[in-house]
Amino acid sequence: MSDNWGFSSTGHFWDHSISINDYIAQNVSVLRMNNSGLYTRARLSPLSLTYYGRCLANGNYTVKLHFAEIIFRSNRSFYSLGRRIFDVYIQDKLELKDFDIEHAARGVDKTIVKEFKAVVRNKTLEIRFYWAGKGTTALPSRGTYGPLISAISVESDFKPPSHGNMKTLIGALGLLLILIFTVLGIIWWKCYFKGKSPIEELRGLDLQTGFFTLRQIKAATNNFDAANKLGEGGFGSVYKTLDLKHARNFPIQGTLLDGTIIAVKQLSSKSKQGNREFVNEIGMISGLQHPNLVRLYGCCIEANQLLLVYEYMENNSLARALFGREEFQLKLDWPTRQRICVGIAKGLAFLHEESALKIVHRDIKTNNILLDRDLNPKISDFGLAKLDEEENTHISTRVAGTIGYMAPEYALWGYLTYKADVYSFGVVALEIVAGKNNMKYRPNEDYFSLLDWAFFLQQKGNLMELVDPKLESDFNKEEVLRMIKISLLCTNPSPALRPTMSAVVNMLEGRAPVQEFPLNPIIFGDEALRSQYSQMHFHRSSETETIKHSSDSTGIGSPSTSTRDLHQINPDSLM
């Protein structure tokens, strides 16, 4: 390839182990056409393959595209069943629609040359081959599809500039290079003394996710139309995209071209959490795949915009379904609540024990549990997540999370282990049974939360009072009582007495008995919970920038908590 030419390829082949050889096709039979050397190899792409001719003189050009189908065969085998269909754009103009090399050349291993006229106006010629989601994808084997191009030739339709003009051009280029090196030197100097920003670090990571342009995202969301807004949290706004069939000129990803609706999370310009959580969320979830984790399609880092592209969850959050505005609440019967609770537990068990990266989520709550069309739960929002390295007994970190879901040892002393997520899960499980928000439910002035009320009912031996009246009597009493006991076990004030999430799954599914420990809330739990609540309540009503916690215990330290990291339940997110 000439120094004046560059190319980019996007996407991954579906259901296929990726190697560099998958992007270069090699002929599998003897080629007998003229100039056969041009067609022995060809470049492939699973989605979009773009060539850029740079530093060209403005004017008219003749572009010739050389094609030959060297993968599919015409014999009686699976290799004869494949169909490769793609589109060709030159200077953003659609020149070939649903182009089939084998059909156009009237057979395999036969050449077809397509000639076009193009106008260069900005010194650059762009030729794009784009897979439109048509044809076969698994014949003769999985991952065989997408555009294929053997060679490109470009000739100008005008005389080249004279030597005098070339000298002028060389002089101008020299001055431009001096300017570029000067600017790069200034940038390097600033980076050397200030360090890389999180976004710069993100671009340098080998993330298993896609990068999209702001133009693509705006096309999919109708320029962030308020009508597509799904909600708003501490990170920023979340938008539903339009049917991507209306944005075909701005392909998002191969799997999305059939009109699949996705969700875009936009960082608010007023966000207090900033780039740190954006980078953290992408880094944590990009390589994770589980039925109970929200799938991340990719992100956009452009201008001042920070955007995450997720799968769209039709039924919004579990918080809205349980105790949002009445018109948005869903009628969740007991089997559905049981299935949701088990799904959340399986997602956390995966994060804590099964994934390659052991992760503490730190912000498990009903707002961060999303429900798909079939009411299957998926854990979302990994902006506060932390890696749990196996050689460390705990992580000392500044406190960040949501009031009412944080474990007492973490909220008070910054002592973080995966047992903090277990505690948060216990609160969520209790909310699922009761259909009430932990921090908003106060039966009377003696009880400050749903969990506090549950501890009281546990001591009185009357746990069934917690059951959501909406269920009436249509539930399995044994399963309900089991879930309540598991939730109280998970919210035990002592992290050592809380179960692992894999043990929780076994207990919820009835494969293991529920462990029971006598609870003395006076010793630790009740007082700790009330201390947490009173301090957070005082914090919300004061103008203090941070809260300092101190402890006489050794090895824990005295972390400080910034107001920017303590979340209250956002009423807008329950709409």
Protein backbone atom coordinates (compact mmCIF):
# COMPACT_ATOMS: atom_id res chain seq x y z
CA MET A 1 0.00 0.00 0.00
CA SER A 2 1.31 3.48 -0.90
CA ASP A 3 2.42 5.87 1.85
CA ASN A 4 -0.42 8.16 0.77
CA TRP A 5 -3.02 5.52 1.55
CA GLY A 6 -4.42 4.29 4.82
CA PHE A 7 -7.31 2.08 5.83
CA SER A 8 -9.51 1.27 8.83
CA SER A 9 -11.52 -1.83 9.60
CA THR A 10 -14.29 -2.03 12.22
CA GLY A 11 -16.17 -4.85 13.94
CA HIS A 12 -15.51 -8.45 14.96
CA PHE A 13 -16.67 -11.53 13.09
CA TRP A 14 -19.65 -13.11 14.87
CA ASP A 15 -19.17 -16.43 16.70
CA HIS A 16 -15.62 -16.73 15.51
CA SER A 17 -12.18 -16.93 17.10
CA ILE A 18 -10.37 -13.85 15.86
CA SER A 19 -6.86 -13.88 14.33
CA ILE A 20 -5.07 -11.58 11.93
CA ASN A 21 -5.57 -14.16 9.14
CA ASP A 22 -9.34 -13.67 9.33
CA TYR A 23 -8.95 -10.21 7.80
CA ILE A 24 -6.82 -11.32 4.80
CA ALA A 25 -8.29 -13.81 2.31
CA GLN A 26 -5.95 -16.13 0.37
CA ASN A 27 -6.99 -17.87 -2.85
CA VAL A 28 -7.71 -21.58 -2.44
CA SER A 29 -7.35 -22.61 -6.10
CA VAL A 30 -5.21 -21.75 -9.12
CA LEU A 31 -6.25 -18.41 -10.64
CA ARG A 32 -6.17 -18.26 -14.44
CA MET A 33 -7.29 -14.70 -15.13
CA ASN A 34 -5.07 -11.89 -16.43
CA ASN A 35 -3.04 -10.12 -13.75
CA SER A 36 -3.82 -12.99 -11.38
CA GLY A 37 -1.32 -11.60 -8.88
CA LEU A 38 -3.80 -8.85 -8.03
CA TYR A 39 -6.37 -11.41 -6.89
CA THR A 40 -4.41 -13.99 -4.91
CA ARG A 41 -5.03 -12.01 -1.71
CA ALA A 42 -7.92 -9.79 -0.65
CA ARG A 43 -8.80 -7.76 2.41
CA LEU A 44 -11.90 -8.66 4.47
CA SER A 45 -13.89 -6.84 7.15
CA PRO A 46 -16.79 -7.95 9.38
CA LEU A 47 -18.52 -4.57 9.17
CA SER A 48 -16.90 -1.60 7.49
CA LEU A 49 -13.64 -1.32 5.54
CA THR A 50 -12.57 2.22 4.60
CA TYR A 51 -9.61 3.30 2.44
CA TYR A 52 -8.29 6.87 2.60
CA GLY A 53 -6.25 8.40 -0.22
CA ARG A 54 -4.46 11.36 1.36
CA CYS A 55 -2.63 14.43 0.05
CA LEU A 56 -4.29 14.23 -3.36
CA ALA A 57 -4.65 17.24 -5.60
CA ASN A 58 -8.23 18.46 -5.80
CA GLY A 59 -9.97 17.50 -9.02
CA ASN A 60 -11.65 14.64 -10.88
CA TYR A 61 -10.41 11.04 -10.60
CA THR A 62 -11.20 7.66 -12.12
CA VAL A 63 -11.52 4.94 -9.50
CA LYS A 64 -11.33 1.26 -10.42
CA LEU A 65 -12.31 -1.40 -7.89
CA HIS A 66 -11.02 -4.94 -8.58
CA PHE A 67 -13.05 -7.83 -7.18
CA ALA A 68 -12.81 -11.64 -7.33
CA GLU A 69 -14.57 -14.12 -5.04
CA ILE A 70 -11.72 -16.38 -3.88
CA ILE A 71 -13.34 -17.92 -0.79
CA PHE A 72 -16.68 -19.35 -1.95
CA ARG A 73 -16.60 -22.25 -4.42
CA SER A 74 -18.89 -23.44 -7.23
CA ASN A 75 -18.65 -27.14 -6.35
CA ARG A 76 -21.15 -29.26 -4.46
CA SER A 77 -19.97 -28.39 -0.98
CA PHE A 78 -20.78 -25.96 1.80
CA TYR A 79 -18.36 -23.54 0.14
CA SER A 80 -20.87 -23.07 -2.70
CA LEU A 81 -23.73 -22.00 -0.41
CA GLY A 82 -22.25 -18.74 0.89
CA ARG A 83 -23.49 -15.35 -0.36
CA ARG A 84 -21.42 -12.19 0.17
CA ILE A 85 -23.49 -8.99 -0.14
CA PHE A 86 -22.26 -5.50 0.73
CA ASP A 87 -22.49 -1.82 -0.28
CA VAL A 88 -19.80 0.45 -1.72
CA TYR A 89 -19.52 4.18 -1.02
CA ILE A 90 -17.12 6.61 -2.72
CA GLN A 91 -16.85 10.05 -1.15
CA ASP A 92 -19.92 9.17 0.98
CA LYS A 93 -21.99 8.49 -2.14
CA LEU A 94 -23.61 5.05 -2.48
CA GLU A 95 -22.22 3.61 -5.73
CA LEU A 96 -23.03 -0.10 -5.37
CA LYS A 97 -26.05 -1.37 -3.44
CA ASP A 98 -26.26 -5.04 -2.35
CA PHE A 99 -23.21 -5.90 -4.44
CA ASP A 100 -22.58 -9.65 -4.91
CA ILE A 101 -19.13 -10.36 -6.41
CA GLU A 102 -19.96 -13.91 -7.53
CA HIS A 103 -23.18 -12.80 -9.21
CA ALA A 104 -21.59 -9.76 -10.89
CA ALA A 105 -18.57 -11.73 -12.15
CA ARG A 106 -20.76 -14.72 -13.13
CA GLY A 107 -18.80 -17.18 -11.04
CA VAL A 108 -16.03 -17.61 -8.48
CA ASP A 109 -12.35 -16.95 -9.24
CA LYS A 110 -13.49 -14.55 -11.96
CA THR A 111 -12.65 -10.87 -12.03
CA ILE A 112 -15.01 -7.97 -12.12
CA VAL A 113 -13.73 -4.39 -12.32
CA LYS A 114 -16.06 -1.53 -11.46
CA GLU A 115 -15.14 1.96 -12.66
CA PHE A 116 -16.41 5.19 -11.12
CA LYS A 117 -15.79 8.94 -11.33
CA ALA A 118 -14.97 10.76 -8.09
CA VAL A 119 -14.31 14.37 -7.19
CA VAL A 120 -11.68 15.24 -4.56
CA ARG A 121 -12.32 18.57 -2.87
CA ASN A 122 -10.43 18.35 0.43
CA LYS A 123 -7.26 16.50 -0.64
CA THR A 124 -8.75 13.17 0.52
CA LEU A 125 -10.46 10.33 -1.34
CA GLU A 126 -12.57 7.98 0.80
CA ILE A 127 -13.71 4.55 -0.41
CA ARG A 128 -15.86 2.53 1.97
CA PHE A 129 -17.04 -1.06 1.75
CA TYR A 130 -19.89 -1.66 4.16
CA TRP A 131 -21.64 -4.91 5.16
CA ALA A 132 -25.38 -4.22 5.30
CA GLY A 133 -26.29 -7.33 7.28
CA LYS A 134 -27.39 -9.30 4.21
CA GLY A 135 -26.23 -12.61 2.79
CA THR A 136 -24.95 -15.58 4.79
CA THR A 137 -22.85 -15.40 7.98
CA ALA A 138 -22.09 -19.05 8.78
CA LEU A 139 -21.33 -20.67 5.38
CA PRO A 140 -19.00 -22.34 4.64
CA SER A 141 -18.07 -21.70 8.30
CA ARG A 142 -18.99 -19.27 11.04
CA GLY A 143 -17.67 -15.78 10.56
CA THR A 144 -17.58 -15.90 6.73
CA TYR A 145 -19.22 -12.69 5.54
CA GLY A 146 -18.53 -9.00 5.03
CA PRO A 147 -16.96 -6.94 2.25
CA LEU A 148 -13.99 -8.22 0.20
CA ILE A 149 -11.74 -6.14 -2.08
CA SER A 150 -8.74 -7.35 -4.09
CA ALA A 151 -7.25 -4.11 -5.46
CA ILE A 152 -7.95 -0.41 -5.98
CA SER A 153 -6.52 1.82 -8.69
CA VAL A 154 -6.97 5.59 -8.87
CA GLU A 155 -5.98 7.84 -11.79
CA SER A 156 -6.35 11.61 -12.07
CA ASP A 157 -8.30 13.06 -14.98
CA PHE A 158 -6.05 16.13 -15.11
CA LYS A 159 -2.36 16.96 -15.59
CA PRO A 160 -0.18 16.85 -12.45
CA PRO A 161 1.03 20.22 -11.08
CA SER A 162 4.23 21.76 -12.50
CA HIS A 163 7.60 21.67 -10.70
CA GLY A 164 7.17 25.29 -9.67
CA ASN A 165 3.94 24.47 -7.91
CA MET A 166 5.58 21.41 -6.34
CA LYS A 167 8.32 23.59 -4.80
CA THR A 168 5.69 25.87 -3.34
CA LEU A 169 3.84 22.84 -2.02
CA ILE A 170 6.99 21.37 -0.47
CA GLY A 171 7.76 24.69 1.22
CA ALA A 172 4.25 24.90 2.63
CA LEU A 173 4.47 21.33 3.88
CA GLY A 174 7.78 22.12 5.58
CA LEU A 175 6.24 25.04 7.45
CA LEU A 176 3.26 22.85 8.38
CA LEU A 177 5.56 20.14 9.77
CA ILE A 178 7.40 22.70 11.89
CA LEU A 179 4.06 23.92 13.26
CA ILE A 180 2.90 20.36 13.97
CA PHE A 181 6.11 19.47 15.84
CA THR A 182 5.82 22.67 17.84
CA VAL A 183 2.25 21.86 18.86
CA LEU A 184 3.18 18.25 19.67
CA GLY A 185 6.05 19.50 21.81
CA ILE A 186 3.71 21.73 23.80
CA ILE A 187 1.24 18.87 24.25
CA TRP A 188 4.03 16.53 25.37
CA TRP A 189 5.29 19.10 27.85
CA LYS A 190 1.82 19.51 29.36
CA CYS A 191 1.26 15.77 29.55
CA TYR A 192 4.71 15.22 31.10
CA PHE A 193 3.97 17.57 33.95
CA LYS A 194 0.28 16.93 34.36
CA GLY A 195 0.06 13.23 33.49
CA LYS A 196 -2.38 11.56 31.16
CA SER A 197 -6.08 12.17 31.54
CA PRO A 198 -8.31 9.14 32.16
CA ILE A 199 -9.70 9.47 28.64
CA GLU A 200 -6.22 9.33 27.11
CA GLU A 201 -5.52 6.23 29.16
CA LEU A 202 -8.77 4.71 27.94
CA ARG A 203 -7.84 5.15 24.29
CA GLY A 204 -4.60 3.28 24.97
CA LEU A 205 -6.31 0.25 26.51
CA ASP A 206 -7.08 -2.92 24.57
CA LEU A 207 -10.79 -2.90 25.44
CA GLN A 208 -13.18 -5.53 24.13
CA THR A 209 -15.74 -2.96 23.04
CA GLY A 210 -16.46 -0.61 20.17
CA PHE A 211 -15.85 3.10 19.72
CA PHE A 212 -18.55 5.20 18.06
CA THR A 213 -18.58 8.74 16.73
CA LEU A 214 -20.73 11.51 18.14
CA ARG A 215 -22.37 11.78 14.71
CA GLN A 216 -23.50 8.15 14.95
CA ILE A 217 -24.93 8.59 18.45
CA LYS A 218 -26.76 11.81 17.53
CA ALA A 219 -28.33 10.09 14.54
CA ALA A 220 -29.52 7.22 16.73
CA THR A 221 -30.95 9.45 19.50
CA ASN A 222 -32.36 12.16 17.22
CA ASN A 223 -29.80 14.61 18.62
CA PHE A 224 -30.54 13.62 22.25
CA ASP A 225 -34.22 14.38 21.90
CA ALA A 226 -35.86 14.81 25.32
CA ALA A 227 -38.65 12.51 24.15
CA ASN A 228 -36.14 9.64 24.16
CA LYS A 229 -34.86 10.34 27.67
CA LEU A 230 -35.22 7.28 29.92
CA GLY A 231 -33.94 8.75 33.20
CA GLU A 232 -31.16 10.55 34.98
CA GLY A 233 -28.70 9.49 37.68
CA GLY A 234 -25.50 10.65 39.31
CA PHE A 235 -23.57 9.97 36.11
CA GLY A 236 -25.89 11.81 33.75
CA SER A 237 -28.82 11.21 31.40
CA VAL A 238 -29.86 7.94 29.74
CA TYR A 239 -31.52 8.00 26.31
CA LYS A 240 -33.33 5.41 24.22
CA THR A 241 -32.17 5.40 20.62
CA LEU A 242 -34.42 5.56 17.62
CA ASP A 243 -34.95 2.56 15.39
CA LEU A 244 -31.55 2.36 13.72
CA LYS A 245 -33.17 1.60 10.38
CA HIS A 246 -33.64 5.36 10.17
CA ALA A 247 -29.91 5.90 10.65
CA ARG A 248 -28.43 3.43 8.20
CA ASN A 249 -25.87 5.95 6.97
CA PHE A 250 -24.41 5.90 10.46
CA PRO A 251 -23.85 2.20 11.24
CA ILE A 252 -23.46 1.48 14.95
CA GLN A 253 -22.54 -2.19 14.88
CA GLY A 254 -23.37 -5.22 12.80
CA THR A 255 -25.80 -6.64 15.32
CA LEU A 256 -27.71 -3.35 15.48
CA LEU A 257 -28.45 -2.83 11.81
CA ASP A 258 -31.65 -4.87 12.01
CA GLY A 259 -33.31 -2.05 13.92
CA THR A 260 -32.41 -3.16 17.45
CA ILE A 261 -33.02 -0.37 19.96
CA ILE A 262 -30.18 0.51 22.32
CA ALA A 263 -29.69 2.84 25.30
CA VAL A 264 -27.13 5.64 25.43
CA LYS A 265 -25.87 6.99 28.75
CA GLN A 266 -24.61 10.57 28.45
CA LEU A 267 -22.28 12.14 31.00
CA SER A 268 -23.83 15.31 32.34
CA SER A 269 -21.74 18.46 31.87
CA LYS A 270 -22.55 19.17 35.53
CA SER A 271 -21.60 15.69 36.73
CA LYS A 272 -19.55 15.62 39.91
CA GLN A 273 -18.25 12.12 39.18
CA GLY A 274 -16.40 13.01 35.99
CA ASN A 275 -14.07 11.01 33.83
CA ARG A 276 -13.01 8.62 36.61
CA GLU A 277 -16.29 6.71 36.65
CA PHE A 278 -16.59 6.76 32.86
CA VAL A 279 -13.20 5.08 32.44
CA ASN A 280 -13.92 2.74 35.35
CA GLU A 281 -17.25 1.56 33.95
CA ILE A 282 -15.86 0.79 30.50
CA GLY A 283 -12.79 -0.93 31.89
CA MET A 284 -14.83 -3.10 34.26
CA ILE A 285 -17.67 -4.26 32.03
CA SER A 286 -16.11 -4.32 28.54
CA GLY A 287 -14.79 -7.85 28.97
CA LEU A 288 -17.69 -9.26 31.04
CA GLN A 289 -20.57 -11.25 29.56
CA HIS A 290 -23.27 -12.88 31.67
CA PRO A 291 -27.06 -13.21 31.27
CA ASN A 292 -27.55 -11.07 34.37
CA LEU A 293 -25.16 -8.24 33.45
CA VAL A 294 -26.15 -5.43 31.09
CA ARG A 295 -24.25 -5.73 27.82
CA LEU A 296 -22.01 -2.81 26.81
CA TYR A 297 -21.88 -2.27 23.03
CA GLY A 298 -19.29 0.50 23.16
CA CYS A 299 -18.59 4.14 23.93
CA CYS A 300 -18.03 7.54 22.37
CA ILE A 301 -15.23 9.92 23.38
CA GLU A 302 -15.46 13.04 21.27
CA ALA A 303 -15.21 16.77 22.00
CA ASN A 304 -16.62 17.18 25.51
CA GLN A 305 -18.99 14.23 25.18
CA LEU A 306 -18.60 10.98 27.13
CA LEU A 307 -21.19 8.37 26.11
CA LEU A 308 -21.82 4.70 26.86
CA VAL A 309 -23.89 2.52 24.49
CA TYR A 310 -25.80 -0.31 26.18
CA GLU A 311 -28.45 -2.84 25.26
CA TYR A 312 -31.89 -1.33 25.75
CA MET A 313 -33.93 -2.73 28.66
CA GLU A 314 -37.63 -2.45 27.86
CA ASN A 315 -38.92 -2.47 31.45
CA ASN A 316 -36.53 0.11 32.90
CA SER A 317 -35.34 -0.41 36.49
CA LEU A 318 -36.52 -2.71 39.26
CA ALA A 319 -36.99 0.39 41.42
CA ARG A 320 -39.53 1.85 39.01
CA ALA A 321 -41.31 -1.48 38.68
CA LEU A 322 -41.65 -1.91 42.46
CA PHE A 323 -42.18 1.58 43.86
CA GLY A 324 -42.03 4.13 41.06
CA ARG A 325 -44.94 6.33 40.05
CA GLU A 326 -48.15 4.33 40.02
CA GLU A 327 -48.57 4.46 36.24
CA PHE A 328 -45.10 2.96 35.79
CA GLN A 329 -45.28 0.21 38.40
CA LEU A 330 -45.49 -3.36 37.10
CA LYS A 331 -47.61 -6.13 38.53
CA LEU A 332 -44.88 -8.53 39.63
CA ASP A 333 -46.28 -11.83 40.85
CA TRP A 334 -44.31 -13.95 43.30
CA PRO A 335 -42.66 -16.34 40.77
CA THR A 336 -41.39 -13.28 38.86
CA ARG A 337 -40.00 -11.70 42.04
CA GLN A 338 -38.33 -14.98 42.96
CA ARG A 339 -36.77 -15.23 39.48
CA ILE A 340 -35.55 -11.62 39.62
CA CYS A 341 -33.94 -12.17 43.01
CA VAL A 342 -32.18 -15.36 41.87
CA GLY A 343 -30.96 -13.62 38.69
CA ILE A 344 -29.41 -10.74 40.68
CA ALA A 345 -27.71 -13.26 42.97
CA LYS A 346 -26.28 -15.16 39.99
CA GLY A 347 -24.95 -11.95 38.46
CA LEU A 348 -23.17 -11.03 41.70
CA ALA A 349 -21.84 -14.57 42.13
CA PHE A 350 -20.32 -14.24 38.66
CA LEU A 351 -18.66 -10.91 39.52
CA HIS A 352 -17.31 -12.13 42.86
CA GLU A 353 -16.32 -15.71 42.13
CA GLU A 354 -16.57 -16.78 38.48
CA SER A 355 -15.25 -14.01 36.21
CA ALA A 356 -11.57 -13.59 35.38
CA LEU A 357 -11.70 -10.20 37.13
CA LYS A 358 -13.06 -10.43 40.68
CA ILE A 359 -15.18 -7.29 41.02
CA VAL A 360 -16.93 -5.53 43.91
CA HIS A 361 -19.79 -3.51 42.41
CA ARG A 362 -20.21 -1.08 45.40
CA ASP A 363 -23.57 0.29 44.26
CA ILE A 364 -26.07 -2.57 44.14
CA LYS A 365 -29.58 -1.12 44.46
CA THR A 366 -32.94 -1.48 42.75
CA ASN A 367 -32.19 1.54 40.52
CA ASN A 368 -29.18 -0.32 39.11
CA ILE A 369 -31.10 -3.54 38.42
CA LEU A 370 -32.65 -3.27 34.94
CA LEU A 371 -35.40 -5.49 33.54
CA ASP A 372 -35.58 -6.69 29.94
CA ARG A 373 -38.70 -7.45 27.93
CA ASP A 374 -39.19 -10.77 29.76
CA LEU A 375 -38.47 -9.20 33.19
CA ASN A 376 -35.07 -10.86 33.44
CA PRO A 377 -32.80 -8.81 35.76
CA LYS A 378 -29.47 -7.37 34.64
CA ILE A 379 -26.97 -5.55 36.87
CA SER A 380 -25.88 -2.17 35.48
CA ASP A 381 -23.84 0.94 36.35
CA PHE A 382 -20.27 -0.16 37.12
CA GLY A 383 -18.98 3.38 37.63
CA LEU A 384 -18.09 2.72 41.29
CA ALA A 385 -16.87 -0.87 40.87
CA LYS A 386 -13.54 -1.99 42.33
CA LEU A 387 -11.25 -4.90 41.51
CA ASP A 388 -11.00 -7.36 44.40
CA GLU A 389 -7.48 -8.80 44.21
CA GLU A 390 -7.35 -12.24 45.77
CA GLU A 391 -4.19 -11.60 47.78
CA ASN A 392 -5.82 -8.67 49.59
CA THR A 393 -8.10 -9.34 52.56
CA HIS A 394 -9.92 -6.06 51.94
CA ILE A 395 -9.72 -2.80 50.00
CA SER A 396 -9.23 0.46 51.88
CA THR A 397 -10.99 3.09 49.80
CA ARG A 398 -12.96 6.27 50.13
CA VAL A 399 -16.63 5.61 50.67
CA ALA A 400 -18.88 5.84 47.63
CA GLY A 401 -22.33 4.42 47.11
CA THR A 402 -26.01 5.01 47.86
CA ILE A 403 -27.43 5.75 51.29
CA GLY A 404 -29.49 2.86 52.59
CA TYR A 405 -27.65 0.14 50.65
CA MET A 406 -24.10 0.47 52.03
CA ALA A 407 -22.79 -2.08 54.51
CA PRO A 408 -22.05 -0.52 57.93
CA GLU A 409 -18.35 -1.50 58.01
CA TYR A 410 -17.90 0.20 54.64
CA ALA A 411 -20.04 3.27 55.31
CA LEU A 412 -18.38 3.96 58.66
CA TRP A 413 -14.76 2.86 58.15
CA GLY A 414 -14.20 2.39 54.41
CA TYR A 415 -13.53 -1.34 54.89
CA LEU A 416 -14.50 -2.86 51.54
CA THR A 417 -14.82 -6.54 50.61
CA TYR A 418 -17.24 -8.41 48.36
CA LYS A 419 -19.37 -8.83 51.52
CA ALA A 420 -20.41 -5.18 51.04
CA ASP A 421 -22.22 -6.25 47.85
CA VAL A 422 -23.79 -9.14 49.77
CA TYR A 423 -25.21 -6.62 52.24
CA SER A 424 -26.60 -4.45 49.43
CA PHE A 425 -28.17 -7.51 47.84
CA GLY A 426 -29.87 -8.30 51.15
CA VAL A 427 -31.49 -4.87 51.15
CA VAL A 428 -32.64 -5.32 47.53
CA ALA A 429 -34.07 -8.78 48.30
CA LEU A 430 -36.03 -7.32 51.21
CA GLU A 431 -37.39 -4.57 48.93
CA ILE A 432 -38.48 -7.21 46.41
CA VAL A 433 -40.48 -9.05 49.07
CA ALA A 434 -41.98 -5.92 50.64
CA GLY A 435 -42.43 -3.81 47.50
CA LYS A 436 -41.15 -0.82 49.50
CA ASN A 437 -38.10 1.42 49.32
CA ASN A 438 -35.71 0.79 52.21
CA MET A 439 -34.99 4.45 52.98
CA LYS A 440 -38.47 5.82 52.29
CA TYR A 441 -40.49 3.33 54.32
CA ARG A 442 -40.95 4.36 57.97
CA PRO A 443 -43.96 2.67 59.64
CA ASN A 444 -43.61 5.11 62.55
CA GLU A 445 -41.05 7.40 64.13
CA ASP A 446 -39.37 4.51 66.00
CA TYR A 447 -38.13 2.91 62.78
CA PHE A 448 -35.93 4.69 60.25
CA SER A 449 -35.98 2.19 57.39
CA LEU A 450 -37.52 -0.99 56.02
CA LEU A 451 -34.50 -2.98 57.23
CA ASP A 452 -34.85 -1.57 60.73
CA TRP A 453 -38.52 -2.63 60.71
CA ALA A 454 -37.50 -6.11 59.48
CA PHE A 455 -35.06 -6.56 62.37
CA PHE A 456 -37.87 -5.70 64.77
CA LEU A 457 -40.27 -8.17 63.15
CA GLN A 458 -37.55 -10.84 63.24
CA GLN A 459 -37.23 -10.46 66.99
CA LYS A 460 -41.04 -10.59 67.32
CA GLY A 461 -41.23 -13.70 65.13
CA ASN A 462 -43.63 -12.06 62.70
CA LEU A 463 -41.66 -11.76 59.46
CA MET A 464 -44.70 -12.34 57.21
CA GLU A 465 -45.87 -8.78 57.95
CA LEU A 466 -43.16 -7.68 55.50
CA VAL A 467 -44.87 -9.23 52.46
CA ASP A 468 -46.12 -6.76 49.82
CA PRO A 469 -49.92 -6.41 50.16
CA LYS A 470 -50.14 -6.35 46.36
CA LEU A 471 -49.33 -10.06 46.38
CA GLU A 472 -52.45 -10.67 48.49
CA SER A 473 -52.32 -14.39 49.31
CA ASP A 474 -51.03 -15.50 45.93
CA PHE A 475 -47.51 -16.59 46.91
CA ASN A 476 -45.53 -19.53 48.20
CA LYS A 477 -45.17 -18.90 51.93
CA GLU A 478 -42.14 -21.17 52.24
CA GLU A 479 -40.28 -19.35 49.44
CA VAL A 480 -41.23 -15.91 50.80
CA LEU A 481 -40.05 -16.76 54.30
CA ARG A 482 -36.84 -18.22 52.88
CA MET A 483 -36.11 -15.03 50.91
CA ILE A 484 -36.75 -12.82 53.94
CA LYS A 485 -34.41 -14.91 56.09
CA ILE A 486 -31.74 -14.82 53.37
CA SER A 487 -32.05 -11.03 53.12
CA LEU A 488 -31.59 -10.69 56.89
CA LEU A 489 -28.66 -13.11 56.77
CA CYS A 490 -27.04 -11.03 54.02
CA THR A 491 -27.54 -7.81 56.03
CA ASN A 492 -25.94 -9.26 59.15
CA PRO A 493 -23.93 -6.42 60.75
CA SER A 494 -20.86 -8.67 60.85
CA PRO A 495 -19.44 -9.25 57.33
CA ALA A 496 -17.89 -12.54 58.48
CA LEU A 497 -21.38 -13.96 59.09
CA ARG A 498 -22.73 -13.01 55.68
CA PRO A 499 -22.78 -15.80 53.07
CA THR A 500 -21.08 -15.77 49.70
CA MET A 501 -23.29 -15.06 46.71
CA SER A 502 -22.90 -18.61 45.39
CA ALA A 503 -24.21 -19.85 48.74
CA VAL A 504 -27.09 -17.35 48.43
CA VAL A 505 -28.01 -18.80 45.01
CA ASN A 506 -28.07 -22.32 46.45
CA MET A 507 -30.26 -21.20 49.37
CA LEU A 508 -32.67 -19.26 47.14
CA GLU A 509 -33.10 -22.24 44.83
CA GLY A 510 -33.69 -24.57 47.79
CA ARG A 511 -30.52 -26.61 47.31
CA ALA A 512 -29.12 -25.61 50.71
CA PRO A 513 -30.72 -24.73 54.07
CA VAL A 514 -30.76 -21.08 55.13
CA GLN A 515 -28.12 -20.42 57.78
CA GLU A 516 -29.44 -18.64 60.83
CA PHE A 517 -27.40 -16.68 63.37
CA PRO A 518 -28.74 -14.97 66.49
CA LEU A 519 -28.72 -11.20 65.93
CA ASN A 520 -27.97 -8.69 68.68
CA PRO A 521 -28.41 -5.32 66.98
CA ILE A 522 -27.40 -3.44 70.13
CA ILE A 523 -23.84 -4.71 69.80
CA PHE A 524 -23.20 -3.51 66.30
CA GLY A 525 -25.84 -3.58 63.63
CA ASP A 526 -28.70 -1.39 64.83
CA GLU A 527 -26.42 1.23 66.31
CA ALA A 528 -24.20 1.20 63.21
CA LEU A 529 -27.17 1.53 60.88
CA ARG A 530 -28.64 4.37 62.90
CA SER A 531 -25.24 6.07 63.06
CA GLN A 532 -24.89 5.75 59.29
CA TYR A 533 -28.37 7.14 58.70
CA SER A 534 -28.01 10.03 61.15
CA GLN A 535 -24.62 11.06 59.77
CA MET A 536 -25.84 10.91 56.18
CA HIS A 537 -28.97 12.84 57.13
CA PHE A 538 -26.85 15.49 58.83
CA HIS A 539 -24.56 15.55 55.82
CA ARG A 540 -27.40 16.27 53.40
CA SER A 541 -28.55 19.25 55.46
CA SER A 542 -25.12 20.78 56.04
CA GLU A 543 -22.69 22.66 53.83
CA THR A 544 -19.69 20.58 54.88
CA GLU A 545 -17.61 19.45 51.93
CA THR A 546 -16.53 16.09 53.41
CA ILE A 547 -17.29 13.79 56.31
CA LYS A 548 -14.36 12.37 58.27
CA HIS A 549 -14.71 8.99 59.99
CA SER A 550 -12.17 7.95 62.59
CA SER A 551 -11.61 4.67 64.34
CA ASP A 552 -9.35 3.39 67.04
CA SER A 553 -9.05 0.09 65.21
CA THR A 554 -5.65 -0.56 63.71
CA GLY A 555 -5.12 -1.37 60.07
CA ILE A 556 -8.28 0.38 58.89
CA GLY A 557 -7.35 4.03 58.79
CA SER A 558 -9.58 7.07 58.58
CA PRO A 559 -10.88 7.49 55.05
CA SER A 560 -12.73 10.63 54.04
CA THR A 561 -15.96 10.61 52.09
CA SER A 562 -16.76 13.28 49.54
CA THR A 563 -20.30 14.46 49.04
CA ARG A 564 -19.81 13.77 45.36
CA ASP A 565 -19.68 10.03 45.96
CA LEU A 566 -22.68 9.66 48.28
CA HIS A 567 -25.86 9.20 46.25
CA GLN A 568 -29.38 9.78 47.36
CA ILE A 569 -32.25 8.06 45.58
CA ASN A 570 -33.10 10.24 42.60
CA PRO A 571 -36.89 10.59 42.29
CA ASP A 572 -36.53 11.16 38.54
CA SER A 573 -35.06 7.69 38.11
CA LEU A 574 -38.30 6.15 39.41
CA MET A 575 -40.46 7.85 36.78
